Amino acid sequence: MDENSAHPFSNNDGAVEISRTLREVPPGDYLFQIKLFSLLSKAEEKRFESSDFESGGYKWKLCLYPNGYEKENGKGHISLYLAILEADTLPFGWEVNVKFELFVYDHMRDKYLTLQ
């Protein structure tokens, strides 16, 4: 079996694909917790940023637009972006491939929304 592969299988709901990947860099995680989201959505500021964090040897931050990022047709939605920091220090033509998941906990419904 290849180190990196995908194998489809089916169940009652239809086809599902399982990916298998071996990697040298351990996965990272970061918790960006908002205690009172309703206050953010009413604030005059349109953008909020997390503290800087490191994962995979790079520095990152999360950028939150509680009322959507209007330039990307996000109005009426919550927009959350993963931004790499210090990009100007990376070599010309650099590329970083990232697979990330966002887990958003809705305390009113006691459910998690997962975005990948």
Foldseek 3Di string as FASTA:
>chain_A
DDQWDKDWDADPVGIDIDIHHDDDFDFDDDDDDDDDLVVVQPDPDQKDKDDWDDGPRFIKIKIWGSQADVVVVTGNHIDIDIGTPPPVVDDPPDDDDDDDKDWDADVVVRDIDIDD
